[in-house]
Amino acid sequence: MFKKQGNLSYPIYNLQSTISNLSVISKLDEKGVFEFLGKEETHQFLKEIVNLAQRIYDCNSGEILEGYTSRFQICYICLERSENLYNGLCAKCAGELE
């Protein structure tokens, strides 16, 4: 089964399992891409990855960033940087869910 996006067709599947299986973020990390980019550019790049995946594959940021929020100090809801995360959430987003 395929999903139409503009002139392109994409296979419909669970992006979370694909990201987990392919470990795209992990592979980029292993190759030192994020160290090369630095904190600010890495943050922007991760936001771009999340936004692209949400638009094309209809998945959420929690699925994409699962296991990486602490490593990159990024909240999976607002996608802002935070040194103090609570289960992947910054203080503001964690408070809003209570």
C-alpha atoms as a PDB file:
ATOM      1  CA  MET A   1       0.000   0.000   0.000  1.00  0.00           C
ATOM      2  CA  PHE A   2       1.303   3.475  -0.876  1.00  0.00           C
ATOM      3  CA  LYS A   3       0.544   7.008   0.305  1.00  0.00           C
ATOM      4  CA  LYS A   4       0.461   9.809  -2.300  1.00  0.00           C
ATOM      5  CA  GLN A   5       2.486  12.930  -1.416  1.00  0.00           C
ATOM      6  CA  GLY A   6       2.485  15.374  -4.309  1.00  0.00           C
ATOM      7  CA  ASN A   7       3.821  13.520  -7.341  1.00  0.00           C
ATOM      8  CA  LEU A   8       5.550  10.900  -5.204  1.00  0.00           C
ATOM      9  CA  SER A   9       4.247   7.727  -3.600  1.00  0.00           C
ATOM     10  CA  TYR A  10       5.605   6.463  -0.313  1.00  0.00           C
ATOM     11  CA  PRO A  11       5.052   3.011   1.170  1.00  0.00           C
ATOM     12  CA  ILE A  12       2.848   3.116   4.262  1.00  0.00           C
ATOM     13  CA  TYR A  13       4.460   1.416   7.222  1.00  0.00           C
ATOM     14  CA  ASN A  14       5.256   2.001  10.849  1.00  0.00           C
ATOM     15  CA  LEU A  15       7.999   4.630  10.861  1.00  0.00           C
ATOM     16  CA  GLN A  16       8.873   3.922  14.488  1.00  0.00           C
ATOM     17  CA  SER A  17       9.898   0.358  13.668  1.00  0.00           C
ATOM     18  CA  THR A  18      11.735   1.564  10.573  1.00  0.00           C
ATOM     19  CA  ILE A  19      13.687   4.149  12.531  1.00  0.00           C
ATOM     20  CA  SER A  20      14.388   1.600  15.252  1.00  0.00           C
ATOM     21  CA  ASN A  21      15.481  -1.032  12.750  1.00  0.00           C
ATOM     22  CA  LEU A  22      17.583   1.281  10.620  1.00  0.00           C
ATOM     23  CA  SER A  23      18.708   3.391  13.586  1.00  0.00           C
ATOM     24  CA  VAL A  24      19.177   6.422  11.364  1.00  0.00           C
ATOM     25  CA  ILE A  25      19.826   8.797  14.249  1.00  0.00           C
ATOM     26  CA  SER A  26      22.114   6.207  15.833  1.00  0.00           C
ATOM     27  CA  LYS A  27      24.096   5.747  12.606  1.00  0.00           C
ATOM     28  CA  LEU A  28      24.512   9.511  12.210  1.00  0.00           C
ATOM     29  CA  ASP A  29      25.669   9.668  15.817  1.00  0.00           C
ATOM     30  CA  GLU A  30      28.150   6.812  15.304  1.00  0.00           C
ATOM     31  CA  LYS A  31      29.659   8.640  12.334  1.00  0.00           C
ATOM     32  CA  GLY A  32      30.191  11.761  14.424  1.00  0.00           C
ATOM     33  CA  VAL A  33      27.746  13.905  12.460  1.00  0.00           C
ATOM     34  CA  PHE A  34      26.288  15.512  15.570  1.00  0.00           C
ATOM     35  CA  GLU A  35      29.681  16.321  17.070  1.00  0.00           C
ATOM     36  CA  PHE A  36      30.644  17.900  13.757  1.00  0.00           C
ATOM     37  CA  LEU A  37      27.445  19.969  13.663  1.00  0.00           C
ATOM     38  CA  GLY A  38      27.634  21.106  17.289  1.00  0.00           C
ATOM     39  CA  LYS A  39      24.739  21.487  19.724  1.00  0.00           C
ATOM     40  CA  GLU A  40      22.773  24.252  17.995  1.00  0.00           C
ATOM     41  CA  GLU A  41      22.963  22.825  14.465  1.00  0.00           C
ATOM     42  CA  THR A  42      22.229  19.329  15.781  1.00  0.00           C
ATOM     43  CA  HIS A  43      19.131  20.677  17.509  1.00  0.00           C
ATOM     44  CA  GLN A  44      17.945  22.334  14.293  1.00  0.00           C
ATOM     45  CA  PHE A  45      18.731  19.194  12.249  1.00  0.00           C
ATOM     46  CA  LEU A  46      16.754  16.971  14.637  1.00  0.00           C
ATOM     47  CA  LYS A  47      13.807  19.372  14.436  1.00  0.00           C
ATOM     48  CA  GLU A  48      13.975  19.148  10.621  1.00  0.00           C
ATOM     49  CA  ILE A  49      14.032  15.332  10.762  1.00  0.00           C
ATOM     50  CA  VAL A  50      11.004  15.302  13.078  1.00  0.00           C
ATOM     51  CA  ASN A  51       9.055  17.828  10.994  1.00  0.00           C
ATOM     52  CA  LEU A  52       9.782  15.949   7.761  1.00  0.00           C
ATOM     53  CA  ALA A  53       8.767  12.612   9.264  1.00  0.00           C
ATOM     54  CA  GLN A  54       5.563  14.111  10.668  1.00  0.00           C
ATOM     55  CA  ARG A  55       4.583  15.555   7.291  1.00  0.00           C
ATOM     56  CA  ILE A  56       5.452  12.589   5.096  1.00  0.00           C
ATOM     57  CA  TYR A  57       4.994   9.555   7.347  1.00  0.00           C
ATOM     58  CA  ASP A  58       2.381  10.837   9.816  1.00  0.00           C
ATOM     59  CA  CYS A  59       4.358   9.845  12.891  1.00  0.00           C
ATOM     60  CA  ASN A  60       5.014  11.786  16.063  1.00  0.00           C
ATOM     61  CA  SER A  61       8.159  13.237  17.557  1.00  0.00           C
ATOM     62  CA  GLY A  62       8.101  10.799  20.469  1.00  0.00           C
ATOM     63  CA  GLU A  63       8.410   7.892  18.046  1.00  0.00           C
ATOM     64  CA  ILE A  64      11.357   9.475  16.279  1.00  0.00           C
ATOM     65  CA  LEU A  65      13.237  10.754  19.308  1.00  0.00           C
ATOM     66  CA  GLU A  66      12.589   7.761  21.548  1.00  0.00           C
ATOM     67  CA  GLY A  67      15.832   6.929  23.297  1.00  0.00           C
ATOM     68  CA  TYR A  68      17.552  10.113  22.129  1.00  0.00           C
ATOM     69  CA  THR A  69      15.907  12.918  24.109  1.00  0.00           C
ATOM     70  CA  SER A  70      18.474  12.779  26.919  1.00  0.00           C
ATOM     71  CA  ARG A  71      21.419  12.362  24.549  1.00  0.00           C
ATOM     72  CA  PHE A  72      20.464  15.497  22.627  1.00  0.00           C
ATOM     73  CA  GLN A  73      18.665  17.319  25.448  1.00  0.00           C
ATOM     74  CA  ILE A  74      15.534  17.842  23.349  1.00  0.00           C
ATOM     75  CA  CYS A  75      11.926  17.735  24.535  1.00  0.00           C
ATOM     76  CA  TYR A  76       9.884  15.451  22.319  1.00  0.00           C
ATOM     77  CA  ILE A  77       6.756  17.623  22.510  1.00  0.00           C
ATOM     78  CA  CYS A  78       7.946  21.214  21.953  1.00  0.00           C
ATOM     79  CA  LEU A  79      11.317  20.178  20.420  1.00  0.00           C
ATOM     80  CA  GLU A  80      13.125  22.789  22.512  1.00  0.00           C
ATOM     81  CA  ARG A  81      16.477  22.121  24.154  1.00  0.00           C
ATOM     82  CA  SER A  82      16.428  21.440  27.870  1.00  0.00           C
ATOM     83  CA  GLU A  83      19.071  20.137  30.233  1.00  0.00           C
ATOM     84  CA  ASN A  84      16.375  18.972  32.666  1.00  0.00           C
ATOM     85  CA  LEU A  85      14.124  16.427  31.006  1.00  0.00           C
ATOM     86  CA  TYR A  86      11.504  14.278  32.717  1.00  0.00           C
ATOM     87  CA  ASN A  87      10.867  11.146  30.620  1.00  0.00           C
ATOM     88  CA  GLY A  88      11.776  13.079  27.484  1.00  0.00           C
ATOM     89  CA  LEU A  89       9.785  16.199  28.422  1.00  0.00           C
ATOM     90  CA  CYS A  90      10.966  19.635  29.451  1.00  0.00           C
ATOM     91  CA  ALA A  91       9.549  21.059  32.694  1.00  0.00           C
ATOM     92  CA  LYS A  92       6.965  23.170  30.840  1.00  0.00           C
ATOM     93  CA  CYS A  93       5.596  20.280  28.752  1.00  0.00           C
ATOM     94  CA  ALA A  94       5.696  17.833  31.679  1.00  0.00           C
ATOM     95  CA  GLY A  95       3.706  20.338  33.760  1.00  0.00           C
ATOM     96  CA  GLU A  96       1.114  20.804  31.030  1.00  0.00           C
ATOM     97  CA  LEU A  97       0.444  17.059  30.920  1.00  0.00           C
ATOM     98  CA  GLU A  98      -0.266  16.779  34.647  1.00  0.00           C
END
